[in-house]
N, C-alpha and C. Protein backbone atom coordinates (compact mmCIF):
# COMPACT_ATOMS: atom_id res chain seq x y z
N MET A 1 52.39 -20.54 -6.60
CA MET A 1 53.64 -20.78 -7.56
C MET A 1 53.34 -19.88 -8.78
N VAL A 2 54.14 -19.19 -9.25
CA VAL A 2 54.37 -18.23 -10.15
C VAL A 2 54.70 -18.97 -11.57
N SER A 3 53.48 -18.73 -12.37
CA SER A 3 53.39 -19.43 -13.61
C SER A 3 54.36 -18.73 -14.88
N ASN A 4 54.74 -18.95 -15.83
CA ASN A 4 55.26 -18.74 -16.80
C ASN A 4 55.12 -17.14 -17.44
N ASP A 5 53.84 -17.43 -17.58
CA ASP A 5 53.13 -16.22 -18.27
C ASP A 5 53.28 -14.76 -16.96
N SER A 6 53.56 -15.12 -15.72
CA SER A 6 53.62 -14.49 -14.94
C SER A 6 54.84 -13.58 -14.81
N ASP A 7 55.83 -14.67 -15.12
CA ASP A 7 56.80 -14.32 -15.22
C ASP A 7 57.39 -13.46 -16.50
N LEU A 8 56.93 -13.96 -17.35
CA LEU A 8 57.12 -13.12 -18.66
C LEU A 8 56.39 -11.70 -18.41
N HIS A 9 55.25 -11.53 -17.90
CA HIS A 9 54.39 -10.23 -17.71
C HIS A 9 54.29 -9.67 -16.36
N PHE A 10 55.54 -9.68 -15.63
CA PHE A 10 55.69 -9.35 -14.39
C PHE A 10 55.26 -7.79 -14.00
N THR A 11 55.82 -6.99 -14.70
CA THR A 11 55.69 -5.30 -14.33
C THR A 11 54.58 -4.81 -14.87
N ALA A 12 53.97 -3.51 -14.31
CA ALA A 12 52.81 -2.72 -14.68
C ALA A 12 52.98 -2.83 -16.49
N THR A 13 53.83 -2.67 -17.09
CA THR A 13 53.62 -2.58 -18.65
C THR A 13 53.98 -4.05 -19.16
N GLY A 14 54.01 -4.75 -18.38
CA GLY A 14 54.21 -6.48 -19.10
C GLY A 14 55.42 -6.70 -19.21
N GLN A 15 56.35 -6.32 -18.78
CA GLN A 15 57.82 -6.70 -18.87
C GLN A 15 58.14 -7.78 -17.90
N PRO A 16 59.34 -8.67 -18.27
CA PRO A 16 59.59 -9.54 -17.40
C PRO A 16 59.96 -9.18 -16.12
N MET A 17 60.04 -9.92 -14.94
CA MET A 17 60.45 -9.46 -13.60
C MET A 17 61.91 -9.18 -13.61
N PRO A 18 62.28 -7.70 -13.15
CA PRO A 18 63.59 -7.27 -12.72
C PRO A 18 64.47 -8.12 -11.87
N PRO A 19 65.76 -7.90 -11.83
CA PRO A 19 66.59 -8.77 -11.10
C PRO A 19 66.31 -7.92 -9.61
N TYR A 20 66.56 -8.72 -8.44
CA TYR A 20 66.45 -7.99 -7.10
C TYR A 20 67.63 -8.31 -6.45
N LYS A 21 68.16 -7.33 -6.01
CA LYS A 21 69.47 -7.79 -4.87
C LYS A 21 69.13 -6.96 -3.85
N PRO A 22 68.60 -7.58 -2.71
CA PRO A 22 68.70 -6.53 -1.53
C PRO A 22 69.78 -5.97 -1.26
N SER A 23 70.03 -4.59 -0.71
CA SER A 23 71.12 -3.82 -0.25
C SER A 23 71.23 -3.88 1.29
N ALA A 24 72.48 -4.13 1.89
CA ALA A 24 72.47 -4.11 3.08
C ALA A 24 72.61 -2.42 3.53
N TRP A 25 73.44 -1.74 2.93
CA TRP A 25 73.37 -0.19 2.86
C TRP A 25 72.18 0.28 3.16
N ALA A 26 71.29 0.23 2.08
CA ALA A 26 70.12 0.37 2.04
C ALA A 26 69.06 0.22 3.16
N ASN A 27 69.35 -0.80 3.52
CA ASN A 27 68.77 -1.16 4.82
C ASN A 27 69.19 -0.78 6.24
N ALA A 28 70.42 -0.40 6.45
CA ALA A 28 70.85 0.14 7.47
C ALA A 28 70.42 1.45 7.90
N CYS A 29 69.97 2.75 7.11
CA CYS A 29 69.94 3.55 7.13
C CYS A 29 70.99 4.46 8.19
N LEU A 30 71.91 4.52 7.64
CA LEU A 30 73.16 5.25 8.81
C LEU A 30 73.10 6.72 8.24
N TRP A 31 72.69 7.03 7.26
CA TRP A 31 72.93 8.72 6.72
C TRP A 31 71.64 9.32 6.63
N GLY A 32 70.82 8.86 7.56
CA GLY A 32 69.30 9.62 7.83
C GLY A 32 68.34 8.60 7.10
N GLU A 33 67.02 9.36 6.78
CA GLU A 33 66.10 8.84 6.00
C GLU A 33 66.65 8.53 4.63
N GLN A 34 66.07 7.25 4.29
CA GLN A 34 66.06 6.69 2.95
C GLN A 34 65.11 6.12 2.59
N ALA A 35 64.90 5.97 0.98
CA ALA A 35 63.81 5.03 0.43
C ALA A 35 63.96 3.96 1.03
N PRO A 36 62.42 3.17 1.07
CA PRO A 36 62.36 1.68 1.53
C PRO A 36 63.02 1.01 0.45
N ASN A 37 63.86 -0.08 0.64
CA ASN A 37 64.31 -1.03 0.13
C ASN A 37 63.16 -2.18 -0.26
N HIS A 38 62.19 -2.08 -0.87
CA HIS A 38 61.45 -3.01 -1.38
C HIS A 38 61.54 -3.80 -2.72
N PRO A 39 61.25 -5.05 -2.59
CA PRO A 39 61.65 -5.94 -3.80
C PRO A 39 60.61 -5.71 -4.97
N PRO A 40 60.62 -6.11 -6.00
CA PRO A 40 59.90 -5.70 -7.36
C PRO A 40 58.50 -5.61 -6.88
N PHE A 41 57.67 -5.14 -7.67
CA PHE A 41 56.21 -5.29 -7.69
C PHE A 41 55.40 -6.27 -8.58
N ARG A 42 54.59 -7.25 -8.24
CA ARG A 42 54.06 -8.18 -9.22
C ARG A 42 52.82 -7.79 -9.48
N PHE A 43 52.64 -7.07 -10.98
CA PHE A 43 51.30 -6.82 -11.18
C PHE A 43 50.39 -8.16 -12.00
N THR A 44 49.33 -7.92 -11.77
CA THR A 44 48.41 -9.09 -12.50
C THR A 44 47.80 -8.27 -13.73
N ASP A 45 46.95 -8.70 -14.55
CA ASP A 45 46.19 -8.33 -15.60
C ASP A 45 44.96 -7.58 -14.83
N GLN A 46 44.58 -7.87 -13.67
CA GLN A 46 43.63 -7.17 -12.78
C GLN A 46 44.25 -5.99 -12.03
N SER A 47 45.57 -5.88 -11.88
CA SER A 47 46.00 -4.86 -11.02
C SER A 47 45.82 -3.26 -11.76
N LEU A 48 45.27 -2.55 -10.97
CA LEU A 48 44.90 -1.07 -11.41
C LEU A 48 46.31 -0.29 -11.61
N ILE A 49 46.71 0.24 -12.63
CA ILE A 49 47.97 1.30 -12.88
C ILE A 49 47.21 2.42 -13.57
N PRO A 50 48.19 3.31 -13.14
CA PRO A 50 47.83 4.62 -13.72
C PRO A 50 48.78 4.82 -15.09
N VAL A 51 47.73 5.42 -16.25
CA VAL A 51 48.42 5.33 -17.51
C VAL A 51 48.21 6.80 -18.23
N ILE A 52 49.49 7.10 -18.63
CA ILE A 52 49.53 8.49 -19.21
C ILE A 52 48.81 8.18 -20.97
N VAL A 53 47.89 8.92 -21.11
CA VAL A 53 46.90 8.70 -22.52
C VAL A 53 47.09 9.89 -23.02
N ARG A 54 47.45 9.85 -24.48
CA ARG A 54 47.36 11.20 -25.39
C ARG A 54 45.78 11.36 -25.56
N VAL A 55 45.49 12.36 -25.57
CA VAL A 55 43.93 12.90 -25.97
C VAL A 55 43.83 13.25 -27.14
N ALA A 56 42.79 13.22 -27.98
CA ALA A 56 42.61 13.79 -29.05
C ALA A 56 41.84 15.16 -28.78
N ARG A 57 42.54 16.16 -29.48
CA ARG A 57 41.67 17.50 -29.31
C ARG A 57 40.77 17.86 -30.45
N SER A 58 39.91 18.61 -30.12
CA SER A 58 39.01 18.86 -31.32
C SER A 58 39.82 19.74 -32.34
N ASP A 59 38.83 19.88 -33.74
CA ASP A 59 39.57 21.37 -34.13
C ASP A 59 39.29 22.48 -33.79
N ASN A 60 38.28 22.75 -32.96
CA ASN A 60 38.05 23.84 -32.29
C ASN A 60 39.12 24.28 -31.45
N ASP A 61 39.58 23.40 -30.62
CA ASP A 61 41.01 23.71 -29.95
C ASP A 61 42.37 23.92 -30.58
N MET A 62 42.59 23.25 -31.66
CA MET A 62 43.40 23.57 -32.55
C MET A 62 43.82 24.83 -33.20
N VAL A 63 42.38 25.16 -33.62
CA VAL A 63 42.31 26.81 -34.03
C VAL A 63 42.85 27.44 -33.31
N ALA A 64 42.19 27.24 -31.69
CA ALA A 64 42.25 28.44 -30.93
C ALA A 64 43.87 28.62 -30.38
N SER A 65 44.72 27.41 -30.40
CA SER A 65 45.91 27.41 -30.03
C SER A 65 46.67 28.03 -30.74
N ARG A 66 46.52 28.08 -32.34
CA ARG A 66 47.30 28.86 -33.15
C ARG A 66 47.53 30.38 -32.90
N PRO A 67 48.55 30.93 -32.94
CA PRO A 67 48.58 32.46 -33.01
C PRO A 67 48.27 33.09 -34.27
N THR A 68 47.21 33.97 -34.03
CA THR A 68 46.97 34.85 -34.95
C THR A 68 47.85 36.00 -35.68
N ARG A 69 48.65 36.33 -35.08
CA ARG A 69 49.65 37.43 -35.01
C ARG A 69 51.01 37.24 -34.70
N ARG A 70 52.03 38.06 -35.01
CA ARG A 70 53.20 37.56 -34.69
C ARG A 70 53.59 38.34 -33.23
N THR A 71 54.30 37.87 -32.60
CA THR A 71 54.55 38.22 -31.21
C THR A 71 55.76 38.19 -30.69
N SER A 72 55.97 38.98 -29.60
CA SER A 72 57.55 39.11 -28.82
C SER A 72 57.57 37.70 -28.38
N LYS A 73 58.81 37.41 -28.09
CA LYS A 73 59.28 36.62 -27.77
C LYS A 73 58.98 36.13 -26.00
N LEU A 74 58.74 37.55 -25.19
CA LEU A 74 58.49 37.45 -24.03
C LEU A 74 56.89 36.95 -23.63
N SER A 75 56.09 37.41 -24.86
CA SER A 75 54.41 37.26 -24.59
C SER A 75 54.61 35.82 -25.04
N SER A 76 55.36 35.03 -25.87
CA SER A 76 55.17 34.01 -26.39
C SER A 76 55.62 32.75 -25.22
N LEU A 77 56.62 33.38 -24.32
CA LEU A 77 57.03 32.32 -23.01
C LEU A 77 55.97 32.59 -21.97
N VAL A 78 55.21 33.56 -22.09
CA VAL A 78 54.18 33.92 -20.95
C VAL A 78 53.01 32.99 -21.30
N ARG A 79 52.74 32.99 -22.91
CA ARG A 79 51.79 32.24 -23.37
C ARG A 79 52.01 30.51 -23.02
N GLY A 80 53.38 30.22 -23.33
CA GLY A 80 53.58 28.95 -23.39
C GLY A 80 53.51 28.52 -21.64
N LEU A 81 53.35 29.25 -20.72
CA LEU A 81 53.71 29.00 -19.37
C LEU A 81 52.22 28.86 -18.89
N ARG A 82 51.20 29.64 -19.45
CA ARG A 82 49.85 29.76 -19.32
C ARG A 82 49.10 28.31 -20.25
N SER A 83 49.63 28.01 -21.10
CA SER A 83 49.08 26.60 -21.87
C SER A 83 49.78 25.36 -21.07
N SER A 84 50.66 26.06 -20.29
CA SER A 84 50.98 24.31 -19.37
C SER A 84 49.88 23.97 -18.68
N ASN A 85 48.84 24.86 -18.47
CA ASN A 85 47.81 24.54 -17.54
C ASN A 85 47.26 23.14 -17.78
N PRO A 86 46.69 22.49 -16.76
CA PRO A 86 46.41 20.92 -17.17
C PRO A 86 45.12 21.08 -17.77
N LYS A 87 44.36 22.15 -17.66
CA LYS A 87 43.21 22.25 -18.63
C LYS A 87 43.21 22.40 -19.77
N ASN A 88 44.65 22.73 -20.32
CA ASN A 88 44.89 23.19 -22.17
C ASN A 88 45.64 22.04 -22.46
N SER A 89 46.02 21.21 -21.45
CA SER A 89 46.98 19.79 -21.92
C SER A 89 46.24 18.95 -22.96
N ASN A 90 46.96 17.94 -23.67
CA ASN A 90 46.48 17.15 -24.34
C ASN A 90 46.88 15.72 -23.99
N ILE A 91 47.19 15.36 -22.35
CA ILE A 91 47.43 14.41 -22.19
C ILE A 91 46.66 14.07 -20.82
N LYS A 92 46.32 12.85 -20.29
CA LYS A 92 45.56 12.56 -18.87
C LYS A 92 46.16 11.58 -18.43
N VAL A 93 46.03 11.39 -17.02
CA VAL A 93 46.70 10.27 -16.31
C VAL A 93 44.98 9.54 -15.89
N VAL A 94 45.12 8.42 -16.51
CA VAL A 94 43.82 7.54 -16.25
C VAL A 94 44.52 6.17 -15.71
N ARG A 95 43.41 5.66 -14.49
CA ARG A 95 43.73 4.49 -13.73
C ARG A 95 42.83 3.53 -14.51
N MET A 96 43.68 2.34 -14.92
CA MET A 96 42.95 1.18 -15.35
C MET A 96 43.43 -0.11 -15.00
N PRO A 97 42.74 -1.09 -15.35
CA PRO A 97 43.59 -2.57 -15.22
C PRO A 97 44.51 -2.66 -16.13
N ARG A 98 45.59 -3.33 -15.70
CA ARG A 98 46.82 -3.47 -16.72
C ARG A 98 46.47 -4.51 -18.27
N SER A 99 45.11 -5.25 -18.12
CA SER A 99 44.88 -6.06 -19.25
C SER A 99 44.13 -4.83 -20.08
N GLU A 100 43.51 -3.87 -19.59
CA GLU A 100 43.22 -2.80 -20.70
C GLU A 100 44.33 -1.91 -21.05
N TYR A 101 45.36 -1.94 -20.29
CA TYR A 101 46.29 -1.07 -20.87
C TYR A 101 47.20 -1.86 -21.91
N ARG A 102 47.16 -3.27 -21.65
CA ARG A 102 48.24 -3.93 -22.77
C ARG A 102 47.25 -4.33 -23.88
N LYS A 103 45.88 -3.98 -24.01
CA LYS A 103 45.07 -4.11 -24.92
C LYS A 103 45.23 -2.46 -25.98
N HIS A 104 44.84 -1.44 -25.25
CA HIS A 104 44.70 -0.39 -26.07
C HIS A 104 46.02 0.69 -26.12
N PHE A 105 46.95 0.63 -25.08
CA PHE A 105 48.07 1.53 -24.78
C PHE A 105 49.37 1.12 -24.59
N ALA A 106 49.63 0.02 -24.60
CA ALA A 106 50.96 -0.52 -24.51
C ALA A 106 52.21 -0.37 -25.53
N ARG A 107 53.29 0.22 -24.98
CA ARG A 107 54.29 0.73 -26.10
C ARG A 107 55.70 -0.21 -25.21
N ASP A 108 56.48 -0.54 -26.36
CA ASP A 108 57.66 -1.29 -25.89
C ASP A 108 58.73 -0.32 -25.57
N LYS A 109 59.87 -0.62 -25.03
CA LYS A 109 61.14 0.20 -24.69
C LYS A 109 61.48 1.24 -25.88
N ASN A 110 60.86 1.07 -27.13
CA ASN A 110 61.33 2.19 -28.04
C ASN A 110 60.27 3.07 -28.51
N ASN A 111 59.05 2.95 -27.89
CA ASN A 111 57.89 3.75 -27.71
C ASN A 111 57.15 3.54 -28.78
N VAL A 112 57.33 2.39 -29.30
CA VAL A 112 56.52 1.67 -30.15
C VAL A 112 55.03 0.88 -29.92
N TYR A 113 54.07 1.15 -30.29
CA TYR A 113 52.86 0.62 -30.09
C TYR A 113 52.50 -0.90 -30.26
N VAL A 114 52.34 -1.67 -29.02
CA VAL A 114 52.40 -2.91 -29.19
C VAL A 114 51.24 -3.75 -28.81
N GLY A 115 50.30 -2.65 -28.36
CA GLY A 115 48.54 -3.14 -27.96
C GLY A 115 48.10 -4.46 -28.86
N THR A 116 47.27 -4.69 -28.35
CA THR A 116 46.27 -5.94 -29.14
C THR A 116 45.21 -5.29 -30.28
N GLU A 117 44.66 -4.29 -29.74
CA GLU A 117 43.68 -3.57 -30.74
C GLU A 117 44.43 -2.76 -31.43
N PRO A 118 43.96 -2.16 -32.49
CA PRO A 118 44.74 -1.23 -33.37
C PRO A 118 44.50 0.20 -32.87
N GLU A 119 45.89 1.03 -32.79
CA GLU A 119 46.02 2.05 -32.24
C GLU A 119 44.95 3.26 -32.36
N ARG A 120 44.87 4.11 -31.74
CA ARG A 120 43.59 5.06 -32.06
C ARG A 120 43.66 6.26 -30.90
N MET A 121 43.43 7.40 -31.25
CA MET A 121 43.53 8.45 -30.41
C MET A 121 42.13 8.85 -29.15
N TRP A 122 42.01 8.89 -28.36
CA TRP A 122 41.14 8.76 -27.29
C TRP A 122 40.28 10.12 -26.89
N THR A 123 39.17 10.32 -26.82
CA THR A 123 38.99 11.43 -26.32
C THR A 123 38.39 11.48 -24.71
N ILE A 124 38.50 12.89 -24.06
CA ILE A 124 38.30 12.81 -22.52
C ILE A 124 36.75 12.07 -22.41
N GLU A 125 35.97 12.31 -23.06
CA GLU A 125 34.68 11.60 -22.98
C GLU A 125 34.67 9.90 -23.01
N GLU A 126 35.49 9.58 -24.11
CA GLU A 126 35.55 8.20 -24.08
C GLU A 126 36.45 7.67 -22.92
N LEU A 127 37.59 8.48 -22.52
CA LEU A 127 38.31 7.69 -21.36
C LEU A 127 37.36 7.83 -19.94
N ASP A 128 36.59 8.73 -19.92
CA ASP A 128 36.09 8.80 -18.58
C ASP A 128 34.52 7.75 -18.71
N GLU A 129 34.16 7.42 -20.01
CA GLU A 129 33.21 6.66 -19.95
C GLU A 129 33.60 5.05 -19.97
N GLU A 130 34.75 4.94 -20.45
CA GLU A 130 35.45 3.52 -20.27
C GLU A 130 35.88 3.10 -19.00
N PHE A 131 36.72 4.10 -18.41
CA PHE A 131 37.51 3.86 -17.09
C PHE A 131 37.43 4.63 -16.38
N GLY A 132 36.26 5.56 -16.41
CA GLY A 132 35.53 6.37 -14.90
C GLY A 132 35.54 5.70 -13.87
N MET A 133 35.09 4.63 -13.89
CA MET A 133 34.58 3.60 -12.47
C MET A 133 36.17 3.42 -11.77
N TYR A 134 36.97 3.36 -12.51
CA TYR A 134 38.23 3.32 -11.46
C TYR A 134 39.10 4.29 -11.12
N GLN A 135 38.67 5.37 -11.15
CA GLN A 135 39.54 6.65 -10.84
C GLN A 135 39.31 7.03 -9.41
N ASP A 136 38.16 6.46 -8.76
CA ASP A 136 37.97 6.85 -7.29
C ASP A 136 38.46 5.93 -6.47
N LEU A 137 38.54 4.65 -7.01
CA LEU A 137 38.92 3.38 -6.09
C LEU A 137 40.20 3.76 -5.29
N PRO A 138 40.20 3.16 -4.08
CA PRO A 138 41.31 3.19 -3.17
C PRO A 138 42.56 2.77 -3.44
N PRO A 139 43.90 3.01 -3.10
CA PRO A 139 45.14 2.19 -3.68
C PRO A 139 44.84 0.98 -3.19
N PRO A 140 45.92 0.03 -3.80
CA PRO A 140 45.98 -1.40 -3.24
C PRO A 140 46.50 -1.56 -1.98
N LEU A 141 46.46 -2.79 -1.32
CA LEU A 141 47.43 -2.76 -0.37
C LEU A 141 48.15 -4.03 -0.76
N TRP A 142 49.81 -3.85 -0.35
CA TRP A 142 50.65 -4.76 -0.85
C TRP A 142 51.10 -5.28 0.13
N SER A 143 51.60 -6.71 -0.23
CA SER A 143 52.25 -7.28 1.01
C SER A 143 53.50 -8.24 0.39
N MET A 144 54.48 -8.45 1.03
CA MET A 144 55.56 -9.20 0.87
C MET A 144 55.36 -10.64 0.62
N VAL A 145 55.63 -11.36 -0.73
CA VAL A 145 55.09 -12.85 -1.18
C VAL A 145 56.70 -13.68 -1.36
N GLU A 146 56.76 -14.56 -1.14
CA GLU A 146 58.04 -15.47 -1.14
C GLU A 146 57.18 -16.87 -2.19
N SER A 147 57.74 -16.83 -3.26
CA SER A 147 57.32 -18.01 -4.15
C SER A 147 58.50 -18.35 -5.25
N ASP A 148 58.65 -19.61 -4.99
CA ASP A 148 59.84 -20.58 -5.58
C ASP A 148 61.21 -19.66 -5.30
N GLY A 149 61.41 -19.37 -4.03
CA GLY A 149 62.65 -18.99 -3.78
C GLY A 149 63.12 -17.44 -4.24
N ARG A 150 61.97 -16.60 -4.69
CA ARG A 150 61.89 -15.39 -5.02
C ARG A 150 60.90 -14.58 -4.08
N ILE A 151 61.26 -13.34 -4.01
CA ILE A 151 60.53 -12.40 -3.03
C ILE A 151 60.14 -11.17 -4.08
N PHE A 152 58.87 -10.93 -3.93
CA PHE A 152 58.13 -9.77 -4.77
C PHE A 152 57.35 -9.11 -3.61
N MET A 153 56.47 -8.10 -4.09
CA MET A 153 55.37 -7.37 -3.49
C MET A 153 54.19 -7.68 -4.34
N GLU A 154 53.28 -8.24 -3.64
CA GLU A 154 51.93 -8.54 -4.50
C GLU A 154 50.83 -7.93 -3.92
N ASP A 155 49.74 -7.59 -4.87
CA ASP A 155 48.40 -6.88 -4.25
C ASP A 155 47.78 -8.10 -3.50
N VAL A 156 47.32 -7.21 -2.40
CA VAL A 156 46.89 -8.33 -1.52
C VAL A 156 45.43 -8.52 -1.81
N ASP A 157 44.40 -7.42 -1.83
CA ASP A 157 42.91 -7.62 -2.27
C ASP A 157 42.70 -6.97 -3.69
N GLY A 158 42.45 -7.91 -4.62
CA GLY A 158 41.92 -7.44 -5.86
C GLY A 158 40.77 -6.73 -6.12
N TRP A 159 40.45 -5.78 -7.03
CA TRP A 159 39.03 -5.14 -6.93
C TRP A 159 38.17 -5.86 -7.79
N GLY A 160 38.66 -7.04 -8.11
CA GLY A 160 37.60 -7.82 -8.79
C GLY A 160 37.74 -7.63 -10.78
N GLU A 161 36.68 -8.46 -10.97
CA GLU A 161 36.71 -8.47 -12.41
C GLU A 161 36.14 -7.41 -13.07
N LYS A 162 36.42 -6.45 -13.95
CA LYS A 162 35.85 -5.29 -14.59
C LYS A 162 34.50 -5.37 -15.15
N GLU A 163 33.83 -6.82 -15.48
CA GLU A 163 32.64 -6.63 -15.57
C GLU A 163 31.77 -6.48 -14.04
N GLY A 164 32.29 -7.49 -13.43
CA GLY A 164 31.39 -7.16 -11.75
C GLY A 164 31.79 -5.82 -11.45
N MET A 165 32.71 -5.24 -11.37
CA MET A 165 32.84 -3.35 -11.16
C MET A 165 31.93 -2.52 -11.88
N ARG A 166 31.64 -3.05 -13.23
CA ARG A 166 30.64 -2.43 -13.75
C ARG A 166 29.17 -2.75 -13.51
N SER A 167 28.78 -3.70 -12.87
CA SER A 167 27.55 -4.07 -12.70
C SER A 167 27.41 -3.56 -11.14
N SER A 168 28.35 -3.67 -10.34
CA SER A 168 28.40 -3.08 -9.05
C SER A 168 28.36 -1.41 -9.00
N HIS A 169 29.01 -0.83 -10.11
CA HIS A 169 29.17 0.44 -10.23
C HIS A 169 27.66 0.77 -10.55
N LEU A 170 27.00 0.28 -11.46
CA LEU A 170 25.97 0.44 -11.81
C LEU A 170 24.65 0.71 -10.85
N SER A 171 24.69 -0.15 -10.02
CA SER A 171 23.63 -0.47 -9.25
C SER A 171 23.68 0.60 -7.96
N LEU A 172 25.29 1.52 -7.83
CA LEU A 172 25.12 2.69 -7.04
C LEU A 172 24.29 3.49 -6.87
């Protein structure tokens, strides 16, 4: 049975369950290959989700990224394309439990921070130390579940509690 809290925090970002209306046309596949018509995915606080995190840059990086002299439009365009390289990026995608996302990184529909902990910038080292153990875990297996007359997708095997992962990860 789905509890009231699960209904309110159904999605990966903690939003309520979206409406689901199965489509006969989507299931028919009359016009070639189509995307599967999955019901909504229900996430728990133990579900691993990918999160886009803004990474704090050091002062040395900021000085190095400033142009020292005036350049042409073409050279600034080329430099802009070169700087879009992931190693120069100030964002990082990190896999973490949804409970940690809701604590440190949650935002509402208007992109306003709504996490339970005070908002702060993270360095790459801090992210690797805190969430590095989740990066190489295999993707979850999902199955279709019916509860209270509603159908949704649910994670079959959870990865366990974070502290359990830490202790097993450290013993390897």
